[in-house]
């Protein structure tokens, strides 16, 4: 089978096509024929050696994918050949709290990821693709959509009528916009692009702020909330934006700390956490149970993921380059032969 792998050393120029033997499913496993994958910021960090410089190579990157069952091992029930499935980010995290063992199962990290034509995986960790979505759309869900769901409704406890702050127009933030709006929340959206902000408004964003032309954007957020601050932020910026986010959050508000786009180290003013009693929750994707809850809402409201651009599997390095340019709105995807 064909794969893309980080071969001998890290770097996008080392993300190379190759071939490996097609695996066979063991007991309670299925063989999945991959049809589509999507890219996340984590995948770029993995390829560049910034996620885990000590990661063993070669490694197949990327966590998010969807496909169809091509074969089944002994003891598998509830599935049949040809079923359309989406893979979880953490195959071992079914429910409950995250543990070290569950975290170690994350695809595309210490375990080979989805940029391969076939893979085997425990049957009980798979989820059915929502009926209204195709393979490419489903491939965007495991990391970005589940992360947004976890940050908004599990850790964030978002309620109708509350105000949520979203940063940028990548996968997590756009899913956050879609999910927050169907829940009845008010959305304030940040971006450095007026064009992207306009697209966000057409999707339901109530207020938008260009953080390039309004560098003290937290002051504008306070103005838009009558001086109170937002109820919840999906914080994807990291250390570089967290202090501003805390100042933009109301007393007793919440921050779902998700991303590290601006870095993991830096000066963070923790005073607002203390005197405003802000709850900051670290979010690392989510469980099978969260994914299943998300899928039910996607089907109920017929929410369709926003796809920016789709590349052929043979163009995988070009997909990573495009992703790293940061011009995308929504998700960047890869389609396998006969995918889509």
C-alpha atoms as a PDB file:
ATOM      1  CA  UNK A   1       0.000   0.000   0.000  1.00  0.00           C
ATOM      2  CA  UNK A   2       1.060   3.606  -0.543  1.00  0.00           C
ATOM      3  CA  UNK A   3       1.961   5.834   2.410  1.00  0.00           C
ATOM      4  CA  UNK A   4       3.477   9.207   3.168  1.00  0.00           C
ATOM      5  CA  UNK A   5       6.006   9.060   5.975  1.00  0.00           C
ATOM      6  CA  UNK A   6       8.618  11.159   7.717  1.00  0.00           C
ATOM      7  CA  UNK A   7      11.526   9.014   6.633  1.00  0.00           C
ATOM      8  CA  UNK A   8      14.902   9.619   8.253  1.00  0.00           C
ATOM      9  CA  UNK A   9      14.717  13.085   9.774  1.00  0.00           C
ATOM     10  CA  UNK A  10      12.145  15.786  10.373  1.00  0.00           C
ATOM     11  CA  UNK A  11      11.155  18.483   7.917  1.00  0.00           C
ATOM     12  CA  UNK A  12       8.543  18.919   5.233  1.00  0.00           C
ATOM     13  CA  UNK A  13      11.131  17.966   2.608  1.00  0.00           C
ATOM     14  CA  UNK A  14      11.391  14.615   4.420  1.00  0.00           C
ATOM     15  CA  UNK A  15       7.656  13.844   4.113  1.00  0.00           C
ATOM     16  CA  UNK A  16       8.118  11.265   1.390  1.00  0.00           C
ATOM     17  CA  UNK A  17       5.972   8.751  -0.500  1.00  0.00           C
ATOM     18  CA  UNK A  18       6.657   5.109   0.196  1.00  0.00           C
ATOM     19  CA  UNK A  19       5.191   1.649   0.248  1.00  0.00           C
ATOM     20  CA  UNK A  20       4.466  -0.707   3.128  1.00  0.00           C
ATOM     21  CA  UNK A  21       2.804  -4.126   3.309  1.00  0.00           C
ATOM     22  CA  UNK A  22      -0.960  -3.941   3.590  1.00  0.00           C
ATOM     23  CA  UNK A  23      -1.894  -4.943   7.159  1.00  0.00           C
ATOM     24  CA  UNK A  24      -4.342  -7.670   8.140  1.00  0.00           C
ATOM     25  CA  UNK A  25      -6.901  -7.131  10.914  1.00  0.00           C
ATOM     26  CA  UNK A  26      -6.407  -9.134  14.093  1.00  0.00           C
ATOM     27  CA  UNK A  27      -9.112 -10.265  16.525  1.00  0.00           C
ATOM     28  CA  UNK A  28     -11.642  -7.487  17.215  1.00  0.00           C
ATOM     29  CA  UNK A  29      -9.987  -5.276  14.611  1.00  0.00           C
ATOM     30  CA  UNK A  30     -11.122  -4.003  11.220  1.00  0.00           C
ATOM     31  CA  UNK A  31      -9.169  -3.009   8.137  1.00  0.00           C
ATOM     32  CA  UNK A  32     -10.105   0.487   6.995  1.00  0.00           C
ATOM     33  CA  UNK A  33      -9.555   1.639   3.408  1.00  0.00           C
ATOM     34  CA  UNK A  34      -8.778   5.320   3.811  1.00  0.00           C
ATOM     35  CA  UNK A  35     -10.765   7.700   1.632  1.00  0.00           C
ATOM     36  CA  UNK A  36      -9.870  11.119   3.029  1.00  0.00           C
ATOM     37  CA  UNK A  37      -7.762  12.886   5.642  1.00  0.00           C
ATOM     38  CA  UNK A  38      -7.583  16.422   7.004  1.00  0.00           C
ATOM     39  CA  UNK A  39      -4.684  18.430   8.394  1.00  0.00           C
ATOM     40  CA  UNK A  40      -4.297  20.063  11.795  1.00  0.00           C
ATOM     41  CA  UNK A  41      -1.668  22.336  13.338  1.00  0.00           C
ATOM     42  CA  UNK A  42      -0.427  19.378  15.368  1.00  0.00           C
ATOM     43  CA  UNK A  43       0.340  17.475  12.149  1.00  0.00           C
ATOM     44  CA  UNK A  44       2.550  20.298  10.936  1.00  0.00           C
ATOM     45  CA  UNK A  45       4.406  20.336  14.267  1.00  0.00           C
ATOM     46  CA  UNK A  46       4.934  16.561  14.006  1.00  0.00           C
ATOM     47  CA  UNK A  47       6.390  16.777  10.503  1.00  0.00           C
ATOM     48  CA  UNK A  48       8.707  19.644  11.463  1.00  0.00           C
ATOM     49  CA  UNK A  49       9.942  17.819  14.583  1.00  0.00           C
ATOM     50  CA  UNK A  50       8.498  20.457  16.923  1.00  0.00           C
ATOM     51  CA  UNK A  51       5.859  18.225  18.525  1.00  0.00           C
ATOM     52  CA  UNK A  52       8.178  15.504  19.811  1.00  0.00           C
ATOM     53  CA  UNK A  53      11.788  15.833  18.617  1.00  0.00           C
ATOM     54  CA  UNK A  54      12.502  12.366  20.037  1.00  0.00           C
ATOM     55  CA  UNK A  55       9.735  10.672  18.069  1.00  0.00           C
ATOM     56  CA  UNK A  56      10.846   7.408  16.501  1.00  0.00           C
ATOM     57  CA  UNK A  57      11.109   7.480  12.711  1.00  0.00           C
ATOM     58  CA  UNK A  58       9.872   6.580  10.190  1.00  0.00           C
ATOM     59  CA  UNK A  59       6.405   7.803  11.135  1.00  0.00           C
ATOM     60  CA  UNK A  60       3.167   8.181   9.174  1.00  0.00           C
ATOM     61  CA  UNK A  61       1.703  11.534  10.285  1.00  0.00           C
ATOM     62  CA  UNK A  62      -1.815  13.001  10.546  1.00  0.00           C
ATOM     63  CA  UNK A  63      -4.546  12.059  12.996  1.00  0.00           C
ATOM     64  CA  UNK A  64      -7.789  12.732  11.140  1.00  0.00           C
ATOM     65  CA  UNK A  65      -9.319  10.442   8.547  1.00  0.00           C
ATOM     66  CA  UNK A  66     -12.362   8.630   7.264  1.00  0.00           C
ATOM     67  CA  UNK A  67     -12.872   5.577   5.092  1.00  0.00           C
ATOM     68  CA  UNK A  68     -14.734   2.325   4.733  1.00  0.00           C
ATOM     69  CA  UNK A  69     -14.366  -1.090   6.286  1.00  0.00           C
ATOM     70  CA  UNK A  70     -12.526  -3.395   3.887  1.00  0.00           C
ATOM     71  CA  UNK A  71     -12.071  -6.490   6.093  1.00  0.00           C
ATOM     72  CA  UNK A  72     -12.864  -7.655   9.617  1.00  0.00           C
ATOM     73  CA  UNK A  73     -10.999  -9.788  12.117  1.00  0.00           C
ATOM     74  CA  UNK A  74     -12.436 -12.479  14.329  1.00  0.00           C
ATOM     75  CA  UNK A  75     -14.929 -11.413  16.955  1.00  0.00           C
ATOM     76  CA  UNK A  76     -16.047  -8.173  15.291  1.00  0.00           C
ATOM     77  CA  UNK A  77     -19.775  -7.481  15.533  1.00  0.00           C
ATOM     78  CA  UNK A  78     -21.988  -4.540  14.647  1.00  0.00           C
ATOM     79  CA  UNK A  79     -20.077  -3.701  11.482  1.00  0.00           C
ATOM     80  CA  UNK A  80     -20.066  -4.969   7.902  1.00  0.00           C
ATOM     81  CA  UNK A  81     -17.815  -4.617   4.877  1.00  0.00           C
ATOM     82  CA  UNK A  82     -18.384  -1.281   3.185  1.00  0.00           C
ATOM     83  CA  UNK A  83     -19.574   0.605   6.266  1.00  0.00           C
ATOM     84  CA  UNK A  84     -18.488   4.252   6.209  1.00  0.00           C
ATOM     85  CA  UNK A  85     -16.461   5.098   9.310  1.00  0.00           C
ATOM     86  CA  UNK A  86     -14.570   7.979  10.854  1.00  0.00           C
ATOM     87  CA  UNK A  87     -11.537   7.337  13.033  1.00  0.00           C
ATOM     88  CA  UNK A  88     -11.147   8.818  16.525  1.00  0.00           C
ATOM     89  CA  UNK A  89      -8.105  10.884  17.474  1.00  0.00           C
ATOM     90  CA  UNK A  90      -7.609   8.672  20.555  1.00  0.00           C
ATOM     91  CA  UNK A  91      -8.595   5.051  19.767  1.00  0.00           C
ATOM     92  CA  UNK A  92      -8.168   4.106  23.442  1.00  0.00           C
ATOM     93  CA  UNK A  93     -10.220   6.971  24.953  1.00  0.00           C
ATOM     94  CA  UNK A  94     -13.790   5.717  25.042  1.00  0.00           C
ATOM     95  CA  UNK A  95     -15.114   7.779  27.962  1.00  0.00           C
ATOM     96  CA  UNK A  96     -14.197   9.160  31.345  1.00  0.00           C
ATOM     97  CA  UNK A  97     -11.081  11.239  32.042  1.00  0.00           C
ATOM     98  CA  UNK A  98      -7.989  11.209  29.857  1.00  0.00           C
ATOM     99  CA  UNK A  99      -5.109   9.079  31.193  1.00  0.00           C
ATOM    100  CA  UNK A 100      -1.513   8.554  30.137  1.00  0.00           C
ATOM    101  CA  UNK A 101      -2.402   5.243  28.488  1.00  0.00           C
ATOM    102  CA  UNK A 102      -5.329   6.720  26.567  1.00  0.00           C
ATOM    103  CA  UNK A 103      -3.241   9.677  25.432  1.00  0.00           C
ATOM    104  CA  UNK A 104      -0.511   7.359  24.121  1.00  0.00           C
ATOM    105  CA  UNK A 105      -2.969   6.000  21.541  1.00  0.00           C
ATOM    106  CA  UNK A 106      -3.228   9.316  19.646  1.00  0.00           C
ATOM    107  CA  UNK A 107      -2.895   8.732  15.910  1.00  0.00           C
ATOM    108  CA  UNK A 108      -0.101  10.496  14.062  1.00  0.00           C
ATOM    109  CA  UNK A 109       2.087  10.925  17.149  1.00  0.00           C
ATOM    110  CA  UNK A 110       3.801   7.978  18.789  1.00  0.00           C
ATOM    111  CA  UNK A 111       1.419   5.812  16.728  1.00  0.00           C
ATOM    112  CA  UNK A 112       1.332   5.893  12.927  1.00  0.00           C
ATOM    113  CA  UNK A 113      -1.341   8.177  11.542  1.00  0.00           C
ATOM    114  CA  UNK A 114      -3.758   8.137   8.626  1.00  0.00           C
ATOM    115  CA  UNK A 115      -1.685   9.080   5.572  1.00  0.00           C
ATOM    116  CA  UNK A 116      -1.737   5.499   4.300  1.00  0.00           C
ATOM    117  CA  UNK A 117      -4.142   3.635   2.075  1.00  0.00           C
ATOM    118  CA  UNK A 118      -5.073   1.019   4.686  1.00  0.00           C
ATOM    119  CA  UNK A 119      -4.862   0.731   8.448  1.00  0.00           C
ATOM    120  CA  UNK A 120      -6.094  -1.634  11.138  1.00  0.00           C
ATOM    121  CA  UNK A 121      -7.839  -0.371  14.233  1.00  0.00           C
ATOM    122  CA  UNK A 122      -9.998  -1.783  17.060  1.00  0.00           C
ATOM    123  CA  UNK A 123     -13.562  -2.024  15.805  1.00  0.00           C
ATOM    124  CA  UNK A 124     -15.122  -0.635  18.972  1.00  0.00           C
ATOM    125  CA  UNK A 125     -13.376   2.724  18.647  1.00  0.00           C
ATOM    126  CA  UNK A 126     -14.847   3.603  15.242  1.00  0.00           C
ATOM    127  CA  UNK A 127     -17.820   5.871  14.656  1.00  0.00           C
ATOM    128  CA  UNK A 128     -20.268   5.887  11.788  1.00  0.00           C
ATOM    129  CA  UNK A 129     -20.076   8.852   9.452  1.00  0.00           C
ATOM    130  CA  UNK A 130     -23.137  11.104   9.803  1.00  0.00           C
ATOM    131  CA  UNK A 131     -25.428  10.249   6.909  1.00  0.00           C
ATOM    132  CA  UNK A 132     -25.398  13.724   5.361  1.00  0.00           C
ATOM    133  CA  UNK A 133     -21.572  13.945   5.183  1.00  0.00           C
ATOM    134  CA  UNK A 134     -19.160  12.536   2.597  1.00  0.00           C
ATOM    135  CA  UNK A 135     -15.731  11.068   3.357  1.00  0.00           C
ATOM    136  CA  UNK A 136     -13.906  14.381   2.985  1.00  0.00           C
ATOM    137  CA  UNK A 137     -16.295  16.191   5.303  1.00  0.00           C
ATOM    138  CA  UNK A 138     -16.130  13.383   7.861  1.00  0.00           C
ATOM    139  CA  UNK A 139     -12.335  13.463   7.826  1.00  0.00           C
ATOM    140  CA  UNK A 140     -12.421  16.975   9.311  1.00  0.00           C
ATOM    141  CA  UNK A 141     -14.197  15.891  12.500  1.00  0.00           C
ATOM    142  CA  UNK A 142     -11.857  13.852  14.770  1.00  0.00           C
ATOM    143  CA  UNK A 143      -9.587  16.630  16.019  1.00  0.00           C
ATOM    144  CA  UNK A 144     -11.027  20.063  15.210  1.00  0.00           C
ATOM    145  CA  UNK A 145     -14.738  19.368  15.626  1.00  0.00           C
ATOM    146  CA  UNK A 146     -14.383  17.202  18.734  1.00  0.00           C
ATOM    147  CA  UNK A 147     -12.031  19.790  20.253  1.00  0.00           C
ATOM    148  CA  UNK A 148     -14.564  22.559  19.625  1.00  0.00           C
ATOM    149  CA  UNK A 149     -17.340  20.428  21.127  1.00  0.00           C
ATOM    150  CA  UNK A 150     -15.270  19.623  24.228  1.00  0.00           C
ATOM    151  CA  UNK A 151     -14.205  23.236  24.671  1.00  0.00           C
ATOM    152  CA  UNK A 152     -17.680  24.690  24.194  1.00  0.00           C
ATOM    153  CA  UNK A 153     -20.045  22.275  25.880  1.00  0.00           C
ATOM    154  CA  UNK A 154     -18.139  19.811  28.073  1.00  0.00           C
ATOM    155  CA  UNK A 155     -15.476  21.972  29.717  1.00  0.00           C
ATOM    156  CA  UNK A 156     -17.032  25.274  28.644  1.00  0.00           C
ATOM    157  CA  UNK A 157     -20.609  24.518  29.739  1.00  0.00           C
ATOM    158  CA  UNK A 158     -21.864  27.028  27.157  1.00  0.00           C
ATOM    159  CA  UNK A 159     -25.514  28.000  27.546  1.00  0.00           C
ATOM    160  CA  UNK A 160     -27.974  29.693  25.156  1.00  0.00           C
ATOM    161  CA  UNK A 161     -27.633  33.452  25.304  1.00  0.00           C
ATOM    162  CA  UNK A 162     -24.050  33.418  26.530  1.00  0.00           C
ATOM    163  CA  UNK A 163     -21.206  35.052  24.593  1.00  0.00           C
ATOM    164  CA  UNK A 164     -18.226  33.112  23.250  1.00  0.00           C
ATOM    165  CA  UNK A 165     -15.000  34.530  21.829  1.00  0.00           C
ATOM    166  CA  UNK A 166     -13.400  32.671  18.919  1.00  0.00           C
ATOM    167  CA  UNK A 167      -9.880  33.313  17.669  1.00  0.00           C
ATOM    168  CA  UNK A 168      -9.123  33.019  13.966  1.00  0.00           C
ATOM    169  CA  UNK A 169     -10.752  31.012  11.200  1.00  0.00           C
ATOM    170  CA  UNK A 170      -9.000  27.647  11.374  1.00  0.00           C
ATOM    171  CA  UNK A 171     -10.768  24.360  11.873  1.00  0.00           C
ATOM    172  CA  UNK A 172     -11.487  24.577  15.611  1.00  0.00           C
ATOM    173  CA  UNK A 173     -12.747  28.160  15.459  1.00  0.00           C
ATOM    174  CA  UNK A 174     -15.015  27.596  12.457  1.00  0.00           C
ATOM    175  CA  UNK A 175     -16.518  24.473  14.009  1.00  0.00           C
ATOM    176  CA  UNK A 176     -16.849  26.529  17.192  1.00  0.00           C
ATOM    177  CA  UNK A 177     -18.787  29.177  15.272  1.00  0.00           C
ATOM    178  CA  UNK A 178     -21.153  26.630  13.740  1.00  0.00           C
ATOM    179  CA  UNK A 179     -21.780  24.782  16.996  1.00  0.00           C
ATOM    180  CA  UNK A 180     -22.114  27.896  19.140  1.00  0.00           C
ATOM    181  CA  UNK A 181     -24.715  29.399  16.816  1.00  0.00           C
ATOM    182  CA  UNK A 182     -26.971  26.328  16.754  1.00  0.00           C
ATOM    183  CA  UNK A 183     -26.821  26.349  20.573  1.00  0.00           C
ATOM    184  CA  UNK A 184     -28.142  29.899  20.704  1.00  0.00           C
ATOM    185  CA  UNK A 185     -24.928  31.623  21.784  1.00  0.00           C
ATOM    186  CA  UNK A 186     -23.590  35.008  20.730  1.00  0.00           C
ATOM    187  CA  UNK A 187     -20.235  34.867  18.907  1.00  0.00           C
ATOM    188  CA  UNK A 188     -17.420  37.404  18.736  1.00  0.00           C
ATOM    189  CA  UNK A 189     -14.870  36.395  16.073  1.00  0.00           C
ATOM    190  CA  UNK A 190     -11.243  37.552  15.756  1.00  0.00           C
ATOM    191  CA  UNK A 191      -9.142  37.442  12.584  1.00  0.00           C
ATOM    192  CA  UNK A 192      -6.394  39.427  10.884  1.00  0.00           C
ATOM    193  CA  UNK A 193      -8.326  39.338   7.594  1.00  0.00           C
ATOM    194  CA  UNK A 194     -11.359  41.507   6.842  1.00  0.00           C
ATOM    195  CA  UNK A 195     -12.296  39.074   4.080  1.00  0.00           C
ATOM    196  CA  UNK A 196     -12.336  36.157   6.512  1.00  0.00           C
ATOM    197  CA  UNK A 197     -14.302  38.200   9.029  1.00  0.00           C
ATOM    198  CA  UNK A 198     -16.912  38.924   6.385  1.00  0.00           C
ATOM    199  CA  UNK A 199     -17.196  35.199   5.677  1.00  0.00           C
ATOM    200  CA  UNK A 200     -17.559  34.645   9.401  1.00  0.00           C
ATOM    201  CA  UNK A 201     -20.424  37.138   9.517  1.00  0.00           C
ATOM    202  CA  UNK A 202     -22.220  35.289   6.718  1.00  0.00           C
ATOM    203  CA  UNK A 203     -21.951  32.162   8.880  1.00  0.00           C
ATOM    204  CA  UNK A 204     -23.552  33.867  11.846  1.00  0.00           C
ATOM    205  CA  UNK A 205     -20.792  35.651  13.770  1.00  0.00           C
ATOM    206  CA  UNK A 206     -22.514  38.450  15.686  1.00  0.00           C
ATOM    207  CA  UNK A 207     -19.464  40.684  16.125  1.00  0.00           C
ATOM    208  CA  UNK A 208     -16.064  40.651  14.414  1.00  0.00           C
ATOM    209  CA  UNK A 209     -12.728  42.260  15.279  1.00  0.00           C
ATOM    210  CA  UNK A 210      -9.626  42.572  13.113  1.00  0.00           C
ATOM    211  CA  UNK A 211      -6.803  42.083  15.593  1.00  0.00           C
ATOM    212  CA  UNK A 212      -4.244  43.615  13.222  1.00  0.00           C
ATOM    213  CA  UNK A 213      -6.050  46.939  12.997  1.00  0.00           C
ATOM    214  CA  UNK A 214      -7.284  46.624  16.597  1.00  0.00           C
ATOM    215  CA  UNK A 215      -4.253  45.247  18.462  1.00  0.00           C
ATOM    216  CA  UNK A 216      -5.878  45.922  21.861  1.00  0.00           C
ATOM    217  CA  UNK A 217      -8.757  43.682  20.856  1.00  0.00           C
ATOM    218  CA  UNK A 218      -9.567  42.752  24.443  1.00  0.00           C
ATOM    219  CA  UNK A 219     -10.723  46.344  25.022  1.00  0.00           C
ATOM    220  CA  UNK A 220     -13.080  46.061  22.056  1.00  0.00           C
ATOM    221  CA  UNK A 221     -14.412  42.752  23.436  1.00  0.00           C
ATOM    222  CA  UNK A 222     -15.146  44.463  26.758  1.00  0.00           C
ATOM    223  CA  UNK A 223     -16.878  47.304  24.916  1.00  0.00           C
ATOM    224  CA  UNK A 224     -19.035  44.825  22.973  1.00  0.00           C
ATOM    225  CA  UNK A 225     -20.042  43.088  26.205  1.00  0.00           C
ATOM    226  CA  UNK A 226     -20.938  46.194  28.177  1.00  0.00           C
ATOM    227  CA  UNK A 227     -17.698  46.066  30.129  1.00  0.00           C
ATOM    228  CA  UNK A 228     -18.420  42.596  31.514  1.00  0.00           C
ATOM    229  CA  UNK A 229     -16.372  40.325  29.222  1.00  0.00           C
ATOM    230  CA  UNK A 230     -17.256  37.093  27.458  1.00  0.00           C
ATOM    231  CA  UNK A 231     -18.567  33.979  29.161  1.00  0.00           C
ATOM    232  CA  UNK A 232     -16.203  31.636  27.312  1.00  0.00           C
ATOM    233  CA  UNK A 233     -13.217  31.722  24.957  1.00  0.00           C
ATOM    234  CA  UNK A 234     -11.835  28.968  22.777  1.00  0.00           C
ATOM    235  CA  UNK A 235      -8.194  29.965  23.256  1.00  0.00           C
ATOM    236  CA  UNK A 236      -6.203  28.702  20.256  1.00  0.00           C
ATOM    237  CA  UNK A 237      -3.431  31.287  20.409  1.00  0.00           C
ATOM    238  CA  UNK A 238      -1.595  30.050  23.481  1.00  0.00           C
ATOM    239  CA  UNK A 239       0.849  31.983  25.605  1.00  0.00           C
ATOM    240  CA  UNK A 240       0.966  34.963  23.238  1.00  0.00           C
ATOM    241  CA  UNK A 241      -2.747  35.738  23.524  1.00  0.00           C
ATOM    242  CA  UNK A 242      -3.828  34.240  26.847  1.00  0.00           C
ATOM    243  CA  UNK A 243      -3.279  37.373  28.930  1.00  0.00           C
ATOM    244  CA  UNK A 244      -5.504  39.404  26.615  1.00  0.00           C
ATOM    245  CA  UNK A 245      -8.103  36.629  26.677  1.00  0.00           C
ATOM    246  CA  UNK A 246      -8.179  36.678  30.472  1.00  0.00           C
ATOM    247  CA  UNK A 247      -8.738  40.431  30.474  1.00  0.00           C
ATOM    248  CA  UNK A 248     -11.602  39.932  27.990  1.00  0.00           C
ATOM    249  CA  UNK A 249     -13.306  37.286  30.165  1.00  0.00           C
ATOM    250  CA  UNK A 250     -16.019  38.076  32.701  1.00  0.00           C
ATOM    251  CA  UNK A 251     -15.891  37.328  36.401  1.00  0.00           C
ATOM    252  CA  UNK A 252     -16.554  33.611  36.817  1.00  0.00           C
ATOM    253  CA  UNK A 253     -16.033  33.029  33.097  1.00  0.00           C
ATOM    254  CA  UNK A 254     -14.243  30.176  31.416  1.00  0.00           C
ATOM    255  CA  UNK A 255     -11.342  29.702  29.021  1.00  0.00           C
ATOM    256  CA  UNK A 256     -10.925  26.492  27.068  1.00  0.00           C
ATOM    257  CA  UNK A 257      -7.180  26.430  26.393  1.00  0.00           C
ATOM    258  CA  UNK A 258      -6.748  24.541  23.155  1.00  0.00           C
ATOM    259  CA  UNK A 259      -3.943  25.719  20.904  1.00  0.00           C
ATOM    260  CA  UNK A 260      -0.413  27.019  20.811  1.00  0.00           C
ATOM    261  CA  UNK A 261      -0.409  29.034  17.587  1.00  0.00           C
ATOM    262  CA  UNK A 262       1.524  31.820  19.306  1.00  0.00           C
ATOM    263  CA  UNK A 263       3.714  29.471  21.318  1.00  0.00           C
ATOM    264  CA  UNK A 264       3.703  27.516  24.561  1.00  0.00           C
ATOM    265  CA  UNK A 265       6.082  29.750  26.497  1.00  0.00           C
ATOM    266  CA  UNK A 266       5.827  33.400  27.431  1.00  0.00           C
ATOM    267  CA  UNK A 267       4.689  35.837  30.083  1.00  0.00           C
ATOM    268  CA  UNK A 268       1.102  35.211  31.157  1.00  0.00           C
ATOM    269  CA  UNK A 269      -0.573  37.514  33.673  1.00  0.00           C
ATOM    270  CA  UNK A 270      -2.416  35.172  36.031  1.00  0.00           C
ATOM    271  CA  UNK A 271      -3.944  37.930  38.144  1.00  0.00           C
ATOM    272  CA  UNK A 272      -7.287  37.853  36.298  1.00  0.00           C
ATOM    273  CA  UNK A 273      -7.581  34.093  36.882  1.00  0.00           C
ATOM    274  CA  UNK A 274      -7.391  34.742  40.608  1.00  0.00           C
ATOM    275  CA  UNK A 275      -9.348  37.899  41.240  1.00  0.00           C
ATOM    276  CA  UNK A 276     -12.007  37.183  38.578  1.00  0.00           C
ATOM    277  CA  UNK A 277     -12.142  33.489  39.496  1.00  0.00           C
ATOM    278  CA  UNK A 278     -11.783  32.440  35.853  1.00  0.00           C
ATOM    279  CA  UNK A 279     -11.790  28.720  35.165  1.00  0.00           C
ATOM    280  CA  UNK A 280      -9.094  27.708  32.649  1.00  0.00           C
ATOM    281  CA  UNK A 281      -9.413  24.198  31.244  1.00  0.00           C
ATOM    282  CA  UNK A 282      -6.822  22.449  29.131  1.00  0.00           C
ATOM    283  CA  UNK A 283      -8.483  20.765  26.129  1.00  0.00           C
ATOM    284  CA  UNK A 284      -6.847  17.841  24.333  1.00  0.00           C
ATOM    285  CA  UNK A 285      -9.394  16.797  21.676  1.00  0.00           C
ATOM    286  CA  UNK A 286     -11.938  14.444  23.338  1.00  0.00           C
ATOM    287  CA  UNK A 287     -13.327  10.986  23.920  1.00  0.00           C
ATOM    288  CA  UNK A 288     -15.395   8.569  21.828  1.00  0.00           C
ATOM    289  CA  UNK A 289     -18.423   9.552  23.916  1.00  0.00           C
ATOM    290  CA  UNK A 290     -17.908  13.249  23.123  1.00  0.00           C
ATOM    291  CA  UNK A 291     -17.490  12.412  19.431  1.00  0.00           C
ATOM    292  CA  UNK A 292     -20.756  10.468  19.444  1.00  0.00           C
ATOM    293  CA  UNK A 293     -22.595  13.397  21.089  1.00  0.00           C
ATOM    294  CA  UNK A 294     -21.121  15.775  18.511  1.00  0.00           C
ATOM    295  CA  UNK A 295     -22.246  13.572  15.627  1.00  0.00           C
ATOM    296  CA  UNK A 296     -25.812  13.560  16.883  1.00  0.00           C
ATOM    297  CA  UNK A 297     -25.872  17.371  16.856  1.00  0.00           C
ATOM    298  CA  UNK A 298     -24.253  17.507  13.400  1.00  0.00           C
ATOM    299  CA  UNK A 299     -26.991  15.227  12.077  1.00  0.00           C
ATOM    300  CA  UNK A 300     -29.810  17.011  13.876  1.00  0.00           C
ATOM    301  CA  UNK A 301     -28.821  20.410  12.481  1.00  0.00           C
ATOM    302  CA  UNK A 302     -27.289  19.069   9.249  1.00  0.00           C
ATOM    303  CA  UNK A 303     -24.096  21.001   9.917  1.00  0.00           C
ATOM    304  CA  UNK A 304     -21.556  20.662   7.115  1.00  0.00           C
ATOM    305  CA  UNK A 305     -17.838  21.255   7.762  1.00  0.00           C
ATOM    306  CA  UNK A 306     -16.228  24.155   5.936  1.00  0.00           C
ATOM    307  CA  UNK A 307     -13.652  22.822   3.464  1.00  0.00           C
ATOM    308  CA  UNK A 308     -11.106  25.318   2.177  1.00  0.00           C
ATOM    309  CA  UNK A 309      -9.195  23.122  -0.281  1.00  0.00           C
ATOM    310  CA  UNK A 310      -8.759  19.447  -1.154  1.00  0.00           C
ATOM    311  CA  UNK A 311      -5.506  17.916  -2.422  1.00  0.00           C
ATOM    312  CA  UNK A 312      -4.919  14.515  -4.003  1.00  0.00           C
ATOM    313  CA  UNK A 313      -3.000  12.024  -1.877  1.00  0.00           C
ATOM    314  CA  UNK A 314      -0.022  12.341  -4.235  1.00  0.00           C
ATOM    315  CA  UNK A 315       0.042  16.079  -3.408  1.00  0.00           C
ATOM    316  CA  UNK A 316       0.246  15.603   0.362  1.00  0.00           C
ATOM    317  CA  UNK A 317       3.429  17.710   0.830  1.00  0.00           C
ATOM    318  CA  UNK A 318       1.778  20.527  -1.129  1.00  0.00           C
ATOM    319  CA  UNK A 319      -1.231  20.282   1.183  1.00  0.00           C
ATOM    320  CA  UNK A 320       1.072  20.773   4.179  1.00  0.00           C
ATOM    321  CA  UNK A 321       2.758  23.765   2.523  1.00  0.00           C
ATOM    322  CA  UNK A 322      -0.588  25.373   1.813  1.00  0.00           C
ATOM    323  CA  UNK A 323      -1.726  24.728   5.376  1.00  0.00           C
ATOM    324  CA  UNK A 324       1.428  26.281   6.793  1.00  0.00           C
ATOM    325  CA  UNK A 325       0.833  29.454   4.767  1.00  0.00           C
ATOM    326  CA  UNK A 326      -2.193  30.097   6.967  1.00  0.00           C
ATOM    327  CA  UNK A 327      -4.447  31.452   4.222  1.00  0.00           C
ATOM    328  CA  UNK A 328      -7.120  28.789   4.653  1.00  0.00           C
ATOM    329  CA  UNK A 329     -10.635  29.327   5.999  1.00  0.00           C
ATOM    330  CA  UNK A 330     -11.823  26.065   7.515  1.00  0.00           C
ATOM    331  CA  UNK A 331     -10.164  22.746   6.760  1.00  0.00           C
ATOM    332  CA  UNK A 332      -7.448  21.572   4.364  1.00  0.00           C
ATOM    333  CA  UNK A 333      -8.003  17.986   3.238  1.00  0.00           C
ATOM    334  CA  UNK A 334      -6.381  15.142   1.319  1.00  0.00           C
ATOM    335  CA  UNK A 335      -8.364  12.661  -0.737  1.00  0.00           C
ATOM    336  CA  UNK A 336      -7.142   9.150  -1.460  1.00  0.00           C
ATOM    337  CA  UNK A 337      -7.693   7.367  -4.780  1.00  0.00           C
ATOM    338  CA  UNK A 338     -11.458   6.812  -5.145  1.00  0.00           C
ATOM    339  CA  UNK A 339     -11.990   9.009  -2.104  1.00  0.00           C
ATOM    340  CA  UNK A 340     -14.423  11.862  -1.563  1.00  0.00           C
END
